Amino acid sequence: MPDNPRGWEHQQVRARLLPDAYGTPCPRCGKPMLKGQDLDLGHTVDVADGATGPGDRIEHTSCNRSDGATAQQRRSQFNPSREW
């Protein structure tokens, strides 16, 4: 498992939620989350969309990071100060 750069609170929440996540569906893709898979502590509302804090659910790493990237792309495409 890769080192987590997020800090103590993030690591504690992940450690608490992870055991109950095994065998349940990923909230993003619906496929089961299994021991041995890369799993992240994710946010119901993506960080790119304004979420703060350590996260609130376990997700597949690939689902979490691809959806986060998608949210970031949405934000960068919308620039309210852009003049037309």
PDB file of N, CA and C in Angstrom:
ATOM      1  N   MET A   1       0.847  -1.177   0.000  1.00  0.00           N
ATOM      2  CA  MET A   1       0.000   0.000   0.000  1.00  0.00           C
ATOM      3  C   MET A   1       0.893   1.240   0.000  1.00  0.00           C
ATOM      4  N   PRO A   2       0.611   2.218  -0.846  1.00  0.00           N
ATOM      5  CA  PRO A   2       1.449   3.410  -0.919  1.00  0.00           C
ATOM      6  C   PRO A   2       1.333   4.249   0.344  1.00  0.00           C
ATOM      7  N   ASP A   3       2.386   5.015   0.632  1.00  0.00           N
ATOM      8  CA  ASP A   3       2.355   5.926   1.769  1.00  0.00           C
ATOM      9  C   ASP A   3       1.264   6.967   1.550  1.00  0.00           C
ATOM     10  N   ASN A   4       0.609   7.348   2.625  1.00  0.00           N
ATOM     11  CA  ASN A   4      -0.466   8.331   2.537  1.00  0.00           C
ATOM     12  C   ASN A   4       0.053   9.681   3.007  1.00  0.00           C
ATOM     13  N   PRO A   5       0.109  10.664   2.116  1.00  0.00           N
ATOM     14  CA  PRO A   5       0.640  11.981   2.484  1.00  0.00           C
ATOM     15  C   PRO A   5      -0.381  12.873   3.188  1.00  0.00           C
ATOM     16  N   ARG A   6      -1.561  12.384   3.474  1.00  0.00           N
ATOM     17  CA  ARG A   6      -2.653  13.230   3.938  1.00  0.00           C
ATOM     18  C   ARG A   6      -2.620  13.602   5.408  1.00  0.00           C
ATOM     19  N   GLY A   7      -1.981  12.840   6.245  1.00  0.00           N
ATOM     20  CA  GLY A   7      -1.912  13.217   7.648  1.00  0.00           C
ATOM     21  C   GLY A   7      -2.642  12.255   8.567  1.00  0.00           C
ATOM     22  N   TRP A   8      -2.475  12.537   9.853  1.00  0.00           N
ATOM     23  CA  TRP A   8      -2.942  11.646  10.897  1.00  0.00           C
ATOM     24  C   TRP A   8      -4.449  11.433  10.871  1.00  0.00           C
ATOM     25  N   GLU A   9      -5.228  12.501  10.802  1.00  0.00           N
ATOM     26  CA  GLU A   9      -6.692  12.363  10.835  1.00  0.00           C
ATOM     27  C   GLU A   9      -7.186  11.525   9.664  1.00  0.00           C
ATOM     28  N   HIS A  10      -6.665  11.786   8.489  1.00  0.00           N
ATOM     29  CA  HIS A  10      -7.035  11.020   7.292  1.00  0.00           C
ATOM     30  C   HIS A  10      -6.729   9.535   7.505  1.00  0.00           C
ATOM     31  N   GLN A  11      -5.560   9.238   8.007  1.00  0.00           N
ATOM     32  CA  GLN A  11      -5.154   7.848   8.223  1.00  0.00           C
ATOM     33  C   GLN A  11      -6.042   7.162   9.259  1.00  0.00           C
ATOM     34  N   GLN A  12      -6.428   7.879  10.307  1.00  0.00           N
ATOM     35  CA  GLN A  12      -7.286   7.308  11.338  1.00  0.00           C
ATOM     36  C   GLN A  12      -8.686   7.003  10.799  1.00  0.00           C
ATOM     37  N   VAL A  13      -9.259   7.902  10.036  1.00  0.00           N
ATOM     38  CA  VAL A  13     -10.589   7.688   9.461  1.00  0.00           C
ATOM     39  C   VAL A  13     -10.539   6.512   8.490  1.00  0.00           C
ATOM     40  N   ARG A  14      -9.516   6.471   7.642  1.00  0.00           N
ATOM     41  CA  ARG A  14      -9.380   5.363   6.691  1.00  0.00           C
ATOM     42  C   ARG A  14      -9.268   4.033   7.422  1.00  0.00           C
ATOM     43  N   ALA A  15      -8.436   3.974   8.449  1.00  0.00           N
ATOM     44  CA  ALA A  15      -8.251   2.738   9.211  1.00  0.00           C
ATOM     45  C   ALA A  15      -9.558   2.284   9.869  1.00  0.00           C
ATOM     46  N   ARG A  16     -10.372   3.239  10.317  1.00  0.00           N
ATOM     47  CA  ARG A  16     -11.645   2.905  10.953  1.00  0.00           C
ATOM     48  C   ARG A  16     -12.670   2.383   9.943  1.00  0.00           C
ATOM     49  N   LEU A  17     -12.721   2.971   8.744  1.00  0.00           N
ATOM     50  CA  LEU A  17     -13.731   2.611   7.747  1.00  0.00           C
ATOM     51  C   LEU A  17     -13.352   1.399   6.897  1.00  0.00           C
ATOM     52  N   LEU A  18     -12.072   1.161   6.714  1.00  0.00           N
ATOM     53  CA  LEU A  18     -11.610   0.133   5.778  1.00  0.00           C
ATOM     54  C   LEU A  18     -12.136  -1.276   6.078  1.00  0.00           C
ATOM     55  N   PRO A  19     -12.081  -1.780   7.304  1.00  0.00           N
ATOM     56  CA  PRO A  19     -12.534  -3.157   7.536  1.00  0.00           C
ATOM     57  C   PRO A  19     -13.987  -3.403   7.125  1.00  0.00           C
ATOM     58  N   ASP A  20     -14.854  -2.436   7.331  1.00  0.00           N
ATOM     59  CA  ASP A  20     -16.264  -2.597   6.967  1.00  0.00           C
ATOM     60  C   ASP A  20     -16.515  -2.427   5.477  1.00  0.00           C
ATOM     61  N   ALA A  21     -15.548  -1.900   4.746  1.00  0.00           N
ATOM     62  CA  ALA A  21     -15.719  -1.668   3.306  1.00  0.00           C
ATOM     63  C   ALA A  21     -15.502  -2.931   2.480  1.00  0.00           C
ATOM     64  N   TYR A  22     -14.696  -3.861   2.984  1.00  0.00           N
ATOM     65  CA  TYR A  22     -14.408  -5.080   2.223  1.00  0.00           C
ATOM     66  C   TYR A  22     -15.700  -5.834   1.922  1.00  0.00           C
ATOM     67  N   GLY A  23     -15.871  -6.180   0.650  1.00  0.00           N
ATOM     68  CA  GLY A  23     -17.038  -6.927   0.217  1.00  0.00           C
ATOM     69  C   GLY A  23     -18.244  -6.076  -0.117  1.00  0.00           C
ATOM     70  N   THR A  24     -18.174  -4.776   0.154  1.00  0.00           N
ATOM     71  CA  THR A  24     -19.293  -3.888  -0.171  1.00  0.00           C
ATOM     72  C   THR A  24     -19.039  -3.232  -1.531  1.00  0.00           C
ATOM     73  N   PRO A  25     -20.081  -2.725  -2.181  1.00  0.00           N
ATOM     74  CA  PRO A  25     -19.883  -2.074  -3.475  1.00  0.00           C
ATOM     75  C   PRO A  25     -19.195  -0.717  -3.338  1.00  0.00           C
ATOM     76  N   CYS A  26     -18.316  -0.431  -4.266  1.00  0.00           N
ATOM     77  CA  CYS A  26     -17.702   0.888  -4.349  1.00  0.00           C
ATOM     78  C   CYS A  26     -18.811   1.903  -4.613  1.00  0.00           C
ATOM     79  N   PRO A  27     -18.841   3.005  -3.873  1.00  0.00           N
ATOM     80  CA  PRO A  27     -19.900   3.988  -4.089  1.00  0.00           C
ATOM     81  C   PRO A  27     -19.834   4.685  -5.445  1.00  0.00           C
ATOM     82  N   ARG A  28     -18.711   4.588  -6.134  1.00  0.00           N
ATOM     83  CA  ARG A  28     -18.593   5.227  -7.450  1.00  0.00           C
ATOM     84  C   ARG A  28     -18.917   4.286  -8.604  1.00  0.00           C
ATOM     85  N   CYS A  29     -18.413   3.042  -8.553  1.00  0.00           N
ATOM     86  CA  CYS A  29     -18.609   2.139  -9.701  1.00  0.00           C
ATOM     87  C   CYS A  29     -19.558   0.981  -9.419  1.00  0.00           C
ATOM     88  N   GLY A  30     -19.805   0.683  -8.154  1.00  0.00           N
ATOM     89  CA  GLY A  30     -20.714  -0.388  -7.791  1.00  0.00           C
ATOM     90  C   GLY A  30     -20.081  -1.772  -7.726  1.00  0.00           C
ATOM     91  N   LYS A  31     -18.823  -1.900  -8.141  1.00  0.00           N
ATOM     92  CA  LYS A  31     -18.143  -3.198  -8.074  1.00  0.00           C
ATOM     93  C   LYS A  31     -17.641  -3.425  -6.650  1.00  0.00           C
ATOM     94  N   PRO A  32     -17.518  -4.705  -6.228  1.00  0.00           N
ATOM     95  CA  PRO A  32     -17.098  -4.972  -4.850  1.00  0.00           C
ATOM     96  C   PRO A  32     -15.682  -4.497  -4.561  1.00  0.00           C
ATOM     97  N   MET A  33     -15.491  -4.052  -3.333  1.00  0.00           N
ATOM     98  CA  MET A  33     -14.166  -3.667  -2.863  1.00  0.00           C
ATOM     99  C   MET A  33     -13.615  -4.841  -2.061  1.00  0.00           C
ATOM    100  N   LEU A  34     -12.455  -5.348  -2.469  1.00  0.00           N
ATOM    101  CA  LEU A  34     -11.907  -6.573  -1.903  1.00  0.00           C
ATOM    102  C   LEU A  34     -10.547  -6.338  -1.287  1.00  0.00           C
ATOM    103  N   LYS A  35     -10.203  -7.182  -0.308  1.00  0.00           N
ATOM    104  CA  LYS A  35      -8.866  -7.119   0.279  1.00  0.00           C
ATOM    105  C   LYS A  35      -7.850  -7.322  -0.832  1.00  0.00           C
ATOM    106  N   GLY A  36      -6.758  -6.602  -0.763  1.00  0.00           N
ATOM    107  CA  GLY A  36      -5.718  -6.681  -1.779  1.00  0.00           C
ATOM    108  C   GLY A  36      -5.859  -5.642  -2.876  1.00  0.00           C
ATOM    109  N   GLN A  37      -7.039  -5.046  -3.013  1.00  0.00           N
ATOM    110  CA  GLN A  37      -7.225  -3.976  -3.995  1.00  0.00           C
ATOM    111  C   GLN A  37      -6.741  -2.657  -3.395  1.00  0.00           C
ATOM    112  N   ASP A  38      -6.352  -1.741  -4.261  1.00  0.00           N
ATOM    113  CA  ASP A  38      -5.988  -0.403  -3.813  1.00  0.00           C
ATOM    114  C   ASP A  38      -7.279   0.364  -3.529  1.00  0.00           C
ATOM    115  N   LEU A  39      -7.440   0.779  -2.274  1.00  0.00           N
ATOM    116  CA  LEU A  39      -8.642   1.489  -1.848  1.00  0.00           C
ATOM    117  C   LEU A  39      -8.242   2.800  -1.186  1.00  0.00           C
ATOM    118  N   ASP A  40      -8.987   3.850  -1.483  1.00  0.00           N
ATOM    119  CA  ASP A  40      -8.730   5.184  -0.949  1.00  0.00           C
ATOM    120  C   ASP A  40      -9.842   5.610  -0.012  1.00  0.00           C
ATOM    121  N   LEU A  41      -9.528   6.525   0.864  1.00  0.00           N
ATOM    122  CA  LEU A  41     -10.541   7.251   1.607  1.00  0.00           C
ATOM    123  C   LEU A  41     -10.960   8.404   0.709  1.00  0.00           C
ATOM    124  N   GLY A  42     -12.202   8.397   0.285  1.00  0.00           N
ATOM    125  CA  GLY A  42     -12.687   9.420  -0.634  1.00  0.00           C
ATOM    126  C   GLY A  42     -13.729  10.314   0.017  1.00  0.00           C
ATOM    127  N   HIS A  43     -14.212  11.236  -0.769  1.00  0.00           N
ATOM    128  CA  HIS A  43     -15.203  12.213  -0.317  1.00  0.00           C
ATOM    129  C   HIS A  43     -16.497  12.037  -1.107  1.00  0.00           C
ATOM    130  N   THR A  44     -17.630  12.146  -0.444  1.00  0.00           N
ATOM    131  CA  THR A  44     -18.913  12.116  -1.130  1.00  0.00           C
ATOM    132  C   THR A  44     -18.989  13.281  -2.115  1.00  0.00           C
ATOM    133  N   VAL A  45     -18.525  14.443  -1.686  1.00  0.00           N
ATOM    134  CA  VAL A  45     -18.365  15.605  -2.559  1.00  0.00           C
ATOM    135  C   VAL A  45     -16.871  15.706  -2.848  1.00  0.00           C
ATOM    136  N   ASP A  46     -16.486  15.673  -4.128  1.00  0.00           N
ATOM    137  CA  ASP A  46     -15.072  15.696  -4.491  1.00  0.00           C
ATOM    138  C   ASP A  46     -14.372  16.940  -3.947  1.00  0.00           C
ATOM    139  N   VAL A  47     -13.102  16.797  -3.613  1.00  0.00           N
ATOM    140  CA  VAL A  47     -12.288  17.920  -3.141  1.00  0.00           C
ATOM    141  C   VAL A  47     -12.308  19.042  -4.176  1.00  0.00           C
ATOM    142  N   ALA A  48     -12.257  18.683  -5.448  1.00  0.00           N
ATOM    143  CA  ALA A  48     -12.285  19.693  -6.511  1.00  0.00           C
ATOM    144  C   ALA A  48     -13.596  20.468  -6.529  1.00  0.00           C
ATOM    145  N   ASP A  49     -14.639  19.892  -5.923  1.00  0.00           N
ATOM    146  CA  ASP A  49     -15.933  20.569  -5.850  1.00  0.00           C
ATOM    147  C   ASP A  49     -16.164  21.236  -4.501  1.00  0.00           C
ATOM    148  N   GLY A  50     -15.124  21.272  -3.663  1.00  0.00           N
ATOM    149  CA  GLY A  50     -15.213  22.018  -2.426  1.00  0.00           C
ATOM    150  C   GLY A  50     -15.174  21.213  -1.141  1.00  0.00           C
ATOM    151  N   ALA A  51     -15.034  19.895  -1.213  1.00  0.00           N
ATOM    152  CA  ALA A  51     -14.984  19.093   0.009  1.00  0.00           C
ATOM    153  C   ALA A  51     -13.752  19.451   0.835  1.00  0.00           C
ATOM    154  N   THR A  52     -13.913  19.396   2.129  1.00  0.00           N
ATOM    155  CA  THR A  52     -12.802  19.589   3.048  1.00  0.00           C
ATOM    156  C   THR A  52     -12.806  18.426   4.019  1.00  0.00           C
ATOM    157  N   GLY A  53     -11.778  18.301   4.797  1.00  0.00           N
ATOM    158  CA  GLY A  53     -11.709  17.227   5.776  1.00  0.00           C
ATOM    159  C   GLY A  53     -11.059  15.983   5.219  1.00  0.00           C
ATOM    160  N   PRO A  54     -11.018  14.943   6.052  1.00  0.00           N
ATOM    161  CA  PRO A  54     -10.259  13.752   5.690  1.00  0.00           C
ATOM    162  C   PRO A  54     -10.964  12.797   4.739  1.00  0.00           C
ATOM    163  N   GLY A  55     -12.198  12.971   4.428  1.00  0.00           N
ATOM    164  CA  GLY A  55     -12.943  12.031   3.605  1.00  0.00           C
ATOM    165  C   GLY A  55     -13.964  11.305   4.455  1.00  0.00           C
ATOM    166  N   ASP A  56     -14.906  10.632   3.799  1.00  0.00           N
ATOM    167  CA  ASP A  56     -15.993  10.015   4.558  1.00  0.00           C
ATOM    168  C   ASP A  56     -16.403   8.642   4.058  1.00  0.00           C
ATOM    169  N   ARG A  57     -15.687   8.093   3.065  1.00  0.00           N
ATOM    170  CA  ARG A  57     -16.041   6.767   2.569  1.00  0.00           C
ATOM    171  C   ARG A  57     -14.856   6.141   1.860  1.00  0.00           C
ATOM    172  N   ILE A  58     -14.890   4.818   1.773  1.00  0.00           N
ATOM    173  CA  ILE A  58     -13.845   4.073   1.081  1.00  0.00           C
ATOM    174  C   ILE A  58     -14.289   3.837  -0.355  1.00  0.00           C
ATOM    175  N   GLU A  59     -13.362   3.987  -1.300  1.00  0.00           N
ATOM    176  CA  GLU A  59     -13.620   3.813  -2.737  1.00  0.00           C
ATOM    177  C   GLU A  59     -12.410   3.131  -3.365  1.00  0.00           C
ATOM    178  N   HIS A  60     -12.618   2.512  -4.532  1.00  0.00           N
ATOM    179  CA  HIS A  60     -11.460   2.035  -5.293  1.00  0.00           C
ATOM    180  C   HIS A  60     -10.561   3.241  -5.585  1.00  0.00           C
ATOM    181  N   THR A  61      -9.267   3.040  -5.506  1.00  0.00           N
ATOM    182  CA  THR A  61      -8.323   4.118  -5.803  1.00  0.00           C
ATOM    183  C   THR A  61      -8.557   4.667  -7.201  1.00  0.00           C
ATOM    184  N   SER A  62      -8.728   3.774  -8.173  1.00  0.00           N
ATOM    185  CA  SER A  62      -8.907   4.236  -9.555  1.00  0.00           C
ATOM    186  C   SER A  62     -10.192   5.041  -9.714  1.00  0.00           C
ATOM    187  N   CYS A  63     -11.255   4.645  -9.037  1.00  0.00           N
ATOM    188  CA  CYS A  63     -12.520   5.385  -9.122  1.00  0.00           C
ATOM    189  C   CYS A  63     -12.377   6.761  -8.473  1.00  0.00           C
ATOM    190  N   ASN A  64     -11.775   6.779  -7.294  1.00  0.00           N
ATOM    191  CA  ASN A  64     -11.607   8.028  -6.565  1.00  0.00           C
ATOM    192  C   ASN A  64     -10.781   9.023  -7.360  1.00  0.00           C
ATOM    193  N   ARG A  65      -9.694   8.565  -7.898  1.00  0.00           N
ATOM    194  CA  ARG A  65      -8.790   9.495  -8.583  1.00  0.00           C
ATOM    195  C   ARG A  65      -9.301   9.906  -9.956  1.00  0.00           C
ATOM    196  N   SER A  66     -10.001   9.035 -10.653  1.00  0.00           N
ATOM    197  CA  SER A  66     -10.522   9.438 -11.959  1.00  0.00           C
ATOM    198  C   SER A  66     -11.694  10.393 -11.791  1.00  0.00           C
ATOM    199  N   ASP A  67     -12.558  10.174 -10.810  1.00  0.00           N
ATOM    200  CA  ASP A  67     -13.664  11.101 -10.581  1.00  0.00           C
ATOM    201  C   ASP A  67     -13.166  12.437 -10.061  1.00  0.00           C
ATOM    202  N   GLY A  68     -12.140  12.429  -9.219  1.00  0.00           N
ATOM    203  CA  GLY A  68     -11.551  13.682  -8.752  1.00  0.00           C
ATOM    204  C   GLY A  68     -10.961  14.478  -9.892  1.00  0.00           C
ATOM    205  N   ALA A  69     -10.297  13.789 -10.814  1.00  0.00           N
ATOM    206  CA  ALA A  69      -9.723  14.463 -11.980  1.00  0.00           C
ATOM    207  C   ALA A  69     -10.824  15.044 -12.854  1.00  0.00           C
ATOM    208  N   THR A  70     -11.916  14.307 -13.003  1.00  0.00           N
ATOM    209  CA  THR A  70     -13.039  14.791 -13.800  1.00  0.00           C
ATOM    210  C   THR A  70     -13.632  16.055 -13.183  1.00  0.00           C
ATOM    211  N   ALA A  71     -13.762  16.065 -11.870  1.00  0.00           N
ATOM    212  CA  ALA A  71     -14.294  17.249 -11.187  1.00  0.00           C
ATOM    213  C   ALA A  71     -13.363  18.442 -11.371  1.00  0.00           C
ATOM    214  N   GLN A  72     -12.066  18.199 -11.290  1.00  0.00           N
ATOM    215  CA  GLN A  72     -11.100  19.282 -11.484  1.00  0.00           C
ATOM    216  C   GLN A  72     -11.189  19.835 -12.901  1.00  0.00           C
ATOM    217  N   GLN A  73     -11.382  18.960 -13.886  1.00  0.00           N
ATOM    218  CA  GLN A  73     -11.522  19.416 -15.271  1.00  0.00           C
ATOM    219  C   GLN A  73     -12.778  20.258 -15.432  1.00  0.00           C
ATOM    220  N   ARG A  74     -13.883  19.851 -14.783  1.00  0.00           N
ATOM    221  CA  ARG A  74     -15.116  20.643 -14.853  1.00  0.00           C
ATOM    222  C   ARG A  74     -14.883  22.039 -14.299  1.00  0.00           C
ATOM    223  N   ARG A  75     -14.184  22.125 -13.177  1.00  0.00           N
ATOM    224  CA  ARG A  75     -13.936  23.431 -12.555  1.00  0.00           C
ATOM    225  C   ARG A  75     -13.051  24.301 -13.434  1.00  0.00           C
ATOM    226  N   SER A  76     -12.047  23.705 -14.081  1.00  0.00           N
ATOM    227  CA  SER A  76     -11.137  24.513 -14.892  1.00  0.00           C
ATOM    228  C   SER A  76     -11.805  24.988 -16.179  1.00  0.00           C
ATOM    229  N   GLN A  77     -12.830  24.270 -16.640  1.00  0.00           N
ATOM    230  CA  GLN A  77     -13.536  24.681 -17.856  1.00  0.00           C
ATOM    231  C   GLN A  77     -14.490  25.837 -17.571  1.00  0.00           C
ATOM    232  N   PHE A  78     -14.968  25.943 -16.340  1.00  0.00           N
ATOM    233  CA  PHE A  78     -15.874  27.012 -15.960  1.00  0.00           C
ATOM    234  C   PHE A  78     -15.078  28.097 -15.270  1.00  0.00           C
ATOM    235  N   ASN A  79     -14.987  29.240 -15.904  1.00  0.00           N
ATOM    236  CA  ASN A  79     -14.265  30.358 -15.326  1.00  0.00           C
ATOM    237  C   ASN A  79     -15.184  31.572 -15.390  1.00  0.00           C
ATOM    238  N   PRO A  80     -15.825  31.910 -14.261  1.00  0.00           N
ATOM    239  CA  PRO A  80     -16.825  32.999 -14.291  1.00  0.00           C
ATOM    240  C   PRO A  80     -16.227  34.349 -14.624  1.00  0.00           C
ATOM    241  N   SER A  81     -14.929  34.530 -14.511  1.00  0.00           N
ATOM    242  CA  SER A  81     -14.347  35.836 -14.828  1.00  0.00           C
ATOM    243  C   SER A  81     -13.975  35.944 -16.306  1.00  0.00           C
ATOM    244  N   ARG A  82     -14.139  34.857 -17.046  1.00  0.00           N
ATOM    245  CA  ARG A  82     -13.792  34.871 -18.467  1.00  0.00           C
ATOM    246  C   ARG A  82     -14.771  35.751 -19.246  1.00  0.00           C
ATOM    247  N   GLU A  83     -14.245  36.628 -20.059  1.00  0.00           N
ATOM    248  CA  GLU A  83     -15.091  37.500 -20.864  1.00  0.00           C
ATOM    249  C   GLU A  83     -15.301  36.884 -22.232  1.00  0.00           C
ATOM    250  N   TRP A  84     -16.509  36.981 -22.730  1.00  0.00           N
ATOM    251  CA  TRP A  84     -16.842  36.417 -24.047  1.00  0.00           C
ATOM    252  C   TRP A  84     -16.901  37.486 -25.069  1.00  0.00           C
TER     253      TRP A  84
END
